[in-house]
Amino acid sequence: MNCLINLNRTQIPHDVVMSYINIYKSIGINSYNHEALNSDYSVMVRQTINIDTHFFTKIFEINVTNARLKSLIYKDVLPKNKDERFVLNLKNAFAKIHDENSTFELLPNEIFDLLKFLYKNILSDSKLQFRKVAKKTNKISLLTSSYTSKRENLDDLIKLYKERMRESKYEASFIIENFYIDFINISPFTEKNMEIGLIIFYILLITNQYEVFEYISFMQLIAKNKAEYELEVRNASFNWDEGFSQLLPFHRFILRISTYAYDQINDLIRDYEFDSQLNKSNNVENTINKLPDVFSKDDIRNVHPYISDSTINRTLKRLRDDEKIRPLGKGRSAKWIKLYRSTNKKITFEQLDLKLR
């Protein structure tokens, strides 16, 4: 609790205040974003869940090959080992987070339930417990234990977090970051404190107006900046025991990736509103025309991540019936080949015998 206890002595510099102004302009249009994307909200959230699952496994180096990881996340294949079982548990946990974030309440039992949900049938019951530490006293009788549970520390930390939130003296994400650094340094559980801490951090951001992470993957941004993230967490934890943690660099990092996420959602909404004015099937056909002569459904999804599978399948069937394309093989991973001259073929000037490459 050393960070939250000493929060009141923190001075917020001007550059961080300017970052608040910029990001809260974006937070202020959360409702507009949700309304603009409402018709495809479930599709977008499902994609975010899949991406978060993928990159969380990269952050913590879960031992699953990329091919198996993709099958587990996108095809719900049966797991073969404990690591693969964890991937499916993780995906289901992210789904619950997005489905139930409006009713989430930060409690020791909620966090402990998350630990058990993620690691059931993976860790033994003896490892799914609050950590015990020796009491700092010599007055131990036959009726008392010489150990105390870290649950008490977690309970006190949560109470202090809620108190700081009620005071409204500091920006929400800064309080959340202080809670996160306290959590991982307290390490309330026997194992997996870093993993649980990052997920709780993620939940608290989403439930405190950082709704952009419903559409833009938070875990992807952390994974792509993993070295910086780990450095700032280590630096923020330095001198934690003495109560002299320095969280401002970590705070700047989180503000920067959050601002980037809001910039991404702004671009997405602009493209989304443009696409919504077009016939989606015709838009898919136009994309197919620009793809290589042999292409897959994944190539189409990369360009149109929020167009439904049914629209893509309907377009492919129409073009097949019109004898413009035909499938190469069967199944979800089958490729397609064009039966017409593509717009992206090399242009040949026969008179000069030149080819533009």
Protein backbone atom coordinates (compact mmCIF):
# COMPACT_ATOMS: atom_id res chain seq x y z
CA MET A 1 0.00 0.00 0.00
CA ASN A 2 3.05 2.23 0.03
CA CYS A 3 2.11 3.97 -3.23
CA LEU A 4 -1.49 4.81 -2.34
CA ILE A 5 -0.55 5.79 1.21
CA ASN A 6 1.93 8.35 -0.09
CA LEU A 7 -0.18 9.51 -3.03
CA ASN A 8 -0.98 12.90 -1.48
CA ARG A 9 2.62 14.04 -1.64
CA THR A 10 2.81 13.55 -5.42
CA GLN A 11 3.03 16.70 -7.56
CA ILE A 12 1.66 16.34 -11.08
CA PRO A 13 3.88 18.20 -13.62
CA HIS A 14 2.54 20.41 -16.40
CA ASP A 15 3.23 17.96 -19.25
CA VAL A 16 1.08 15.31 -17.54
CA VAL A 17 -1.71 17.87 -17.01
CA MET A 18 -1.61 18.62 -20.75
CA SER A 19 -1.86 14.90 -21.44
CA TYR A 20 -4.98 14.82 -19.23
CA ILE A 21 -6.54 17.61 -21.29
CA ASN A 22 -5.89 15.77 -24.55
CA ILE A 23 -7.08 12.38 -23.42
CA TYR A 24 -10.20 13.67 -21.69
CA LYS A 25 -11.29 15.31 -24.92
CA SER A 26 -11.46 11.76 -26.27
CA ILE A 27 -12.97 10.25 -23.13
CA GLY A 28 -15.66 12.92 -23.38
CA ILE A 29 -16.97 11.36 -26.60
CA ASN A 30 -17.14 7.77 -25.30
CA SER A 31 -20.92 7.80 -25.73
CA TYR A 32 -20.62 9.04 -29.31
CA ASN A 33 -18.10 6.31 -30.11
CA HIS A 34 -20.37 3.66 -28.68
CA GLU A 35 -23.35 4.98 -30.62
CA ALA A 36 -21.38 5.20 -33.86
CA LEU A 37 -20.15 1.61 -33.55
CA ASN A 38 -23.23 0.17 -31.89
CA SER A 39 -24.44 -1.96 -34.80
CA ASP A 40 -21.14 -3.89 -34.84
CA TYR A 41 -20.28 -3.54 -31.15
CA SER A 42 -20.44 -7.27 -30.39
CA VAL A 43 -18.23 -8.09 -33.40
CA MET A 44 -15.65 -5.51 -32.37
CA VAL A 45 -15.58 -6.60 -28.74
CA ARG A 46 -15.21 -10.23 -29.80
CA GLN A 47 -12.22 -9.25 -31.92
CA THR A 48 -10.71 -7.31 -29.00
CA ILE A 49 -11.15 -10.37 -26.75
CA ASN A 50 -9.29 -12.53 -29.28
CA ILE A 51 -6.45 -10.03 -29.69
CA ASP A 52 -6.15 -9.46 -25.93
CA THR A 53 -5.93 -13.22 -25.41
CA HIS A 54 -3.26 -13.59 -28.08
CA PHE A 55 -1.01 -10.81 -26.79
CA PHE A 56 -1.43 -11.63 -23.09
CA THR A 57 0.12 -15.03 -23.86
CA LYS A 58 3.02 -13.18 -25.53
CA ILE A 59 3.56 -10.86 -22.57
CA PHE A 60 3.89 -13.80 -20.17
CA GLU A 61 5.48 -16.17 -22.71
CA ILE A 62 2.91 -18.96 -22.51
CA ASN A 63 4.38 -22.03 -24.20
CA VAL A 64 1.92 -22.46 -27.11
CA THR A 65 2.90 -22.35 -30.79
CA ASN A 66 1.38 -19.62 -32.96
CA ALA A 67 -0.53 -22.17 -35.03
CA ARG A 68 -2.08 -23.79 -31.95
CA LEU A 69 -2.71 -20.39 -30.37
CA LYS A 70 -4.67 -19.26 -33.42
CA SER A 71 -6.69 -22.49 -33.43
CA LEU A 72 -7.47 -22.20 -29.72
CA ILE A 73 -8.57 -18.59 -29.96
CA TYR A 74 -10.44 -18.59 -33.26
CA LYS A 75 -11.59 -22.18 -33.68
CA ASP A 76 -12.12 -23.28 -30.05
CA VAL A 77 -10.25 -26.55 -30.57
CA LEU A 78 -9.80 -28.86 -27.60
CA PRO A 79 -6.69 -28.12 -25.50
CA LYS A 80 -3.90 -30.71 -25.35
CA ASN A 81 -2.06 -29.54 -22.22
CA LYS A 82 -2.25 -27.12 -19.30
CA ASP A 83 -0.86 -24.15 -21.23
CA GLU A 84 -3.50 -24.58 -23.93
CA ARG A 85 -6.18 -24.98 -21.27
CA PHE A 86 -5.04 -21.67 -19.79
CA VAL A 87 -5.47 -19.95 -23.18
CA LEU A 88 -9.13 -21.01 -23.34
CA ASN A 89 -9.67 -19.98 -19.70
CA LEU A 90 -8.08 -16.62 -20.49
CA LYS A 91 -10.30 -16.04 -23.51
CA ASN A 92 -13.39 -16.88 -21.44
CA ALA A 93 -12.18 -14.55 -18.68
CA PHE A 94 -11.82 -11.64 -21.12
CA ALA A 95 -15.31 -12.39 -22.45
CA LYS A 96 -16.70 -12.22 -18.89
CA ILE A 97 -14.83 -8.99 -18.27
CA HIS A 98 -16.46 -7.31 -21.26
CA ASP A 99 -19.89 -8.79 -20.58
CA GLU A 100 -19.96 -7.93 -16.88
CA ASN A 101 -17.74 -4.86 -16.46
CA SER A 102 -20.73 -2.68 -15.55
CA THR A 103 -21.37 -4.85 -12.47
CA PHE A 104 -17.73 -5.38 -11.47
CA GLU A 105 -16.86 -4.49 -7.89
CA LEU A 106 -13.30 -4.52 -6.64
CA LEU A 107 -13.29 -7.01 -3.76
CA PRO A 108 -10.76 -9.59 -2.49
CA ASN A 109 -13.20 -12.38 -3.32
CA GLU A 110 -13.63 -11.09 -6.90
CA ILE A 111 -9.87 -11.10 -7.46
CA PHE A 112 -9.47 -14.52 -5.85
CA ASP A 113 -12.30 -15.88 -8.01
CA LEU A 114 -10.48 -14.55 -11.09
CA LEU A 115 -7.33 -16.41 -10.03
CA LYS A 116 -9.29 -19.65 -9.62
CA PHE A 117 -11.19 -19.15 -12.89
CA LEU A 118 -7.98 -18.72 -14.87
CA TYR A 119 -5.97 -21.48 -13.25
CA LYS A 120 -8.55 -24.13 -12.40
CA ASN A 121 -7.30 -27.58 -13.47
CA ILE A 122 -3.92 -25.93 -14.17
CA LEU A 123 -2.47 -25.20 -10.75
CA SER A 124 -3.00 -27.38 -7.69
CA ASP A 125 -5.33 -26.14 -4.95
CA SER A 126 -2.31 -25.58 -2.69
CA LYS A 127 -1.07 -22.95 -5.17
CA LEU A 128 -4.44 -21.23 -5.53
CA GLN A 129 -4.27 -19.55 -2.16
CA PHE A 130 -3.47 -16.30 -0.46
CA ARG A 131 0.18 -16.14 0.48
CA LYS A 132 1.07 -16.55 4.13
CA VAL A 133 3.89 -14.71 5.88
CA ALA A 134 5.35 -15.03 9.35
CA LYS A 135 3.97 -12.67 11.97
CA LYS A 136 6.37 -10.07 13.33
CA THR A 137 5.82 -10.99 16.97
CA ASN A 138 7.13 -13.43 19.51
CA LYS A 139 3.79 -13.74 21.30
CA ILE A 140 2.55 -16.95 19.72
CA SER A 141 0.34 -19.27 21.74
CA LEU A 142 -1.07 -22.70 21.01
CA LEU A 143 -4.33 -21.06 19.96
CA THR A 144 -2.86 -18.63 17.43
CA SER A 145 -0.99 -19.14 14.20
CA SER A 146 2.54 -17.90 13.64
CA TYR A 147 1.49 -16.83 10.12
CA THR A 148 -0.80 -14.18 8.74
CA SER A 149 -2.54 -14.15 5.36
CA LYS A 150 -1.85 -11.60 2.64
CA ARG A 151 -5.60 -11.38 2.20
CA GLU A 152 -5.62 -8.79 4.98
CA ASN A 153 -3.13 -6.66 3.04
CA LEU A 154 -5.22 -6.94 -0.12
CA ASP A 155 -8.35 -5.98 1.80
CA ASP A 156 -6.62 -2.89 3.22
CA LEU A 157 -5.26 -1.98 -0.24
CA ILE A 158 -8.71 -2.13 -1.81
CA LYS A 159 -10.20 0.02 0.96
CA LEU A 160 -7.47 2.61 0.45
CA TYR A 161 -7.97 2.54 -3.34
CA LYS A 162 -11.70 3.23 -2.94
CA GLU A 163 -10.95 6.03 -0.50
CA ARG A 164 -8.56 7.67 -2.98
CA MET A 165 -11.15 7.37 -5.73
CA ARG A 166 -13.80 9.04 -3.56
CA GLU A 167 -11.45 11.93 -2.80
CA SER A 168 -11.24 12.76 -6.54
CA LYS A 169 -7.94 14.58 -6.04
CA TYR A 170 -6.06 12.65 -8.70
CA GLU A 171 -6.84 11.43 -12.20
CA ALA A 172 -8.38 7.94 -12.17
CA SER A 173 -5.68 6.17 -14.17
CA PHE A 174 -2.97 7.52 -11.83
CA ILE A 175 -4.76 6.05 -8.80
CA ILE A 176 -5.22 2.78 -10.69
CA GLU A 177 -1.51 2.64 -11.50
CA ASN A 178 -0.62 3.21 -7.84
CA PHE A 179 -2.97 0.38 -6.89
CA TYR A 180 -1.36 -1.87 -9.52
CA ILE A 181 2.20 -1.26 -8.29
CA ASP A 182 1.07 -1.84 -4.70
CA PHE A 183 -0.70 -5.05 -5.73
CA ILE A 184 2.27 -6.64 -7.47
CA ASN A 185 4.61 -5.69 -4.64
CA ILE A 186 2.26 -7.04 -1.97
CA SER A 187 1.94 -10.23 -4.07
CA PRO A 188 -1.15 -11.47 -2.23
CA PHE A 189 -1.25 -14.91 -3.87
CA THR A 190 1.10 -17.85 -3.76
CA GLU A 191 1.64 -17.59 -7.54
CA LYS A 192 0.59 -15.61 -10.64
CA ASN A 193 0.49 -12.17 -9.04
CA MET A 194 1.89 -10.40 -12.13
CA GLU A 195 -0.70 -11.99 -14.40
CA ILE A 196 -3.65 -11.25 -12.11
CA GLY A 197 -2.35 -7.76 -11.41
CA LEU A 198 -2.25 -6.82 -15.10
CA ILE A 199 -5.78 -8.13 -15.70
CA ILE A 200 -7.14 -6.19 -12.70
CA PHE A 201 -5.31 -3.11 -13.98
CA TYR A 202 -7.06 -3.62 -17.34
CA ILE A 203 -10.49 -4.05 -15.72
CA LEU A 204 -10.09 -0.91 -13.62
CA LEU A 205 -9.16 1.19 -16.66
CA ILE A 206 -12.20 0.00 -18.64
CA THR A 207 -14.55 0.58 -15.71
CA ASN A 208 -13.16 4.08 -15.12
CA GLN A 209 -13.95 5.68 -18.49
CA TYR A 210 -11.06 4.24 -20.53
CA GLU A 211 -13.66 2.55 -22.71
CA VAL A 212 -11.40 2.73 -25.76
CA PHE A 213 -9.94 -0.60 -24.65
CA GLU A 214 -13.21 -2.28 -25.52
CA TYR A 215 -12.30 -1.67 -29.18
CA ILE A 216 -8.52 -1.33 -29.19
CA SER A 217 -6.50 -4.11 -27.56
CA PHE A 218 -4.78 -2.96 -24.36
CA MET A 219 -2.73 -6.16 -24.19
CA GLN A 220 -1.48 -5.65 -27.74
CA LEU A 221 -0.22 -2.18 -26.87
CA ILE A 222 1.52 -3.53 -23.76
CA ALA A 223 3.06 -6.43 -25.71
CA LYS A 224 4.34 -4.19 -28.49
CA ASN A 225 5.95 -1.92 -25.90
CA LYS A 226 6.91 -4.76 -23.56
CA ALA A 227 10.48 -3.67 -22.88
CA GLU A 228 9.40 -0.14 -21.93
CA TYR A 229 6.45 -1.44 -19.90
CA GLU A 230 8.65 -3.81 -17.87
CA LEU A 231 11.28 -1.10 -17.34
CA GLU A 232 8.73 1.41 -16.06
CA VAL A 233 7.12 -1.15 -13.75
CA ARG A 234 10.53 -2.04 -12.31
CA ASN A 235 11.40 1.64 -11.86
CA ALA A 236 8.02 2.34 -10.24
CA SER A 237 8.64 -0.54 -7.81
CA PHE A 238 12.11 0.70 -6.88
CA ASN A 239 12.20 1.88 -3.24
CA TRP A 240 8.63 0.63 -2.80
CA ASP A 241 9.40 -0.82 0.64
CA GLU A 242 10.59 2.57 1.84
CA GLY A 243 7.56 4.38 0.38
CA PHE A 244 9.53 6.33 -2.22
CA SER A 245 8.21 4.82 -5.46
CA GLN A 246 8.35 7.04 -8.54
CA LEU A 247 5.29 6.38 -10.71
CA LEU A 248 5.23 9.40 -13.01
CA PRO A 249 7.29 7.77 -15.82
CA PHE A 250 4.96 4.75 -15.73
CA HIS A 251 1.98 7.13 -15.69
CA ARG A 252 3.30 8.92 -18.77
CA PHE A 253 3.67 5.56 -20.52
CA ILE A 254 0.05 4.56 -19.80
CA LEU A 255 -1.25 7.98 -20.87
CA ARG A 256 0.72 7.73 -24.10
CA ILE A 257 -0.62 4.31 -25.11
CA SER A 258 -4.14 5.37 -24.06
CA THR A 259 -3.92 8.48 -26.24
CA TYR A 260 -2.65 6.33 -29.11
CA ALA A 261 -5.62 3.98 -28.62
CA TYR A 262 -8.06 6.90 -28.82
CA ASP A 263 -6.35 8.15 -31.98
CA GLN A 264 -6.85 4.65 -33.42
CA ILE A 265 -10.54 4.58 -32.52
CA ASN A 266 -11.02 8.02 -34.11
CA ASP A 267 -9.50 6.73 -37.37
CA LEU A 268 -11.57 3.55 -37.13
CA ILE A 269 -14.83 5.48 -36.71
CA ARG A 270 -14.00 7.70 -39.69
CA ASP A 271 -13.40 4.65 -41.89
CA TYR A 272 -16.37 2.84 -40.38
CA GLU A 273 -18.76 5.70 -41.13
CA PHE A 274 -17.41 5.89 -44.67
CA ASP A 275 -17.86 2.13 -45.18
CA SER A 276 -21.38 2.25 -43.73
CA GLN A 277 -22.42 4.55 -46.57
CA LEU A 278 -21.42 1.91 -49.13
CA ASN A 279 -22.96 -1.42 -49.97
CA LYS A 280 -20.87 -3.80 -47.85
CA SER A 281 -20.96 -6.62 -50.38
CA ASN A 282 -19.83 -4.29 -53.16
CA ASN A 283 -17.11 -2.98 -50.87
CA VAL A 284 -15.84 -6.54 -50.30
CA GLU A 285 -15.92 -7.19 -54.05
CA ASN A 286 -13.89 -4.05 -54.68
CA THR A 287 -11.32 -5.25 -52.13
CA ILE A 288 -11.15 -8.68 -53.78
CA ASN A 289 -10.46 -6.99 -57.09
CA LYS A 290 -7.39 -5.32 -55.55
CA LEU A 291 -6.06 -8.48 -53.87
CA PRO A 292 -3.60 -10.89 -55.54
CA ASP A 293 -5.05 -13.44 -57.97
CA VAL A 294 -4.99 -16.06 -55.22
CA PHE A 295 -6.39 -14.84 -51.91
CA SER A 296 -8.04 -16.03 -48.71
CA LYS A 297 -10.89 -14.87 -46.47
CA ASP A 298 -8.27 -13.70 -43.96
CA ASP A 299 -6.95 -11.28 -46.60
CA ILE A 300 -10.42 -9.77 -46.82
CA ARG A 301 -10.81 -9.62 -43.01
CA ASN A 302 -7.52 -7.75 -42.70
CA VAL A 303 -9.01 -4.95 -44.80
CA HIS A 304 -12.53 -5.16 -43.34
CA PRO A 305 -12.18 -6.46 -39.76
CA TYR A 306 -15.74 -5.51 -38.82
CA ILE A 307 -17.65 -6.84 -41.83
CA SER A 308 -19.40 -10.04 -40.78
CA ASP A 309 -18.48 -13.51 -42.03
CA SER A 310 -21.95 -13.85 -43.54
CA THR A 311 -21.38 -10.78 -45.74
CA ILE A 312 -17.99 -12.08 -46.88
CA ASN A 313 -19.39 -15.56 -47.57
CA ARG A 314 -22.36 -14.11 -49.45
CA THR A 315 -20.04 -12.03 -51.64
CA LEU A 316 -17.77 -15.00 -52.37
CA LYS A 317 -20.77 -17.14 -53.32
CA ARG A 318 -22.12 -14.43 -55.64
CA LEU A 319 -18.77 -14.04 -57.39
CA ARG A 320 -18.43 -17.81 -57.66
CA ASP A 321 -21.90 -18.11 -59.20
CA ASP A 322 -20.97 -15.34 -61.64
CA GLU A 323 -17.87 -17.43 -62.52
CA LYS A 324 -15.52 -14.67 -61.45
CA ILE A 325 -13.74 -16.75 -58.81
CA ARG A 326 -13.51 -20.38 -57.73
CA PRO A 327 -12.30 -22.05 -54.51
CA LEU A 328 -8.99 -23.85 -54.20
CA GLY A 329 -9.79 -26.57 -51.68
CA LYS A 330 -12.36 -26.74 -48.91
CA GLY A 331 -12.71 -25.54 -45.35
CA ARG A 332 -12.26 -22.25 -43.54
CA SER A 333 -8.63 -21.86 -44.61
CA ALA A 334 -9.30 -22.55 -48.32
CA LYS A 335 -7.99 -20.03 -50.83
CA TRP A 336 -9.75 -18.58 -53.83
CA ILE A 337 -8.51 -17.81 -57.34
CA LYS A 338 -9.76 -15.11 -59.69
CA LEU A 339 -11.01 -16.10 -63.13
CA TYR A 340 -10.74 -12.60 -64.57
CA ARG A 341 -8.02 -10.06 -65.27
CA SER A 342 -7.10 -8.38 -61.99
CA THR A 343 -6.64 -4.62 -61.67
CA ASN A 344 -3.30 -5.19 -59.94
CA LYS A 345 -1.64 -7.08 -62.83
CA LYS A 346 1.54 -5.68 -64.29
CA ILE A 347 0.94 -3.25 -67.13
CA THR A 348 2.67 -4.21 -70.39
CA PHE A 349 3.59 -1.75 -73.13
CA GLU A 350 4.01 -4.21 -76.00
CA GLN A 351 5.26 -1.65 -78.54
CA LEU A 352 8.31 -0.80 -76.42
CA ASP A 353 8.50 -4.24 -74.81
CA LEU A 354 8.65 -2.64 -71.33
CA LYS A 355 7.19 -4.01 -68.13
CA LEU A 356 6.45 -1.88 -65.11
CA ARG A 357 7.49 -3.85 -62.07
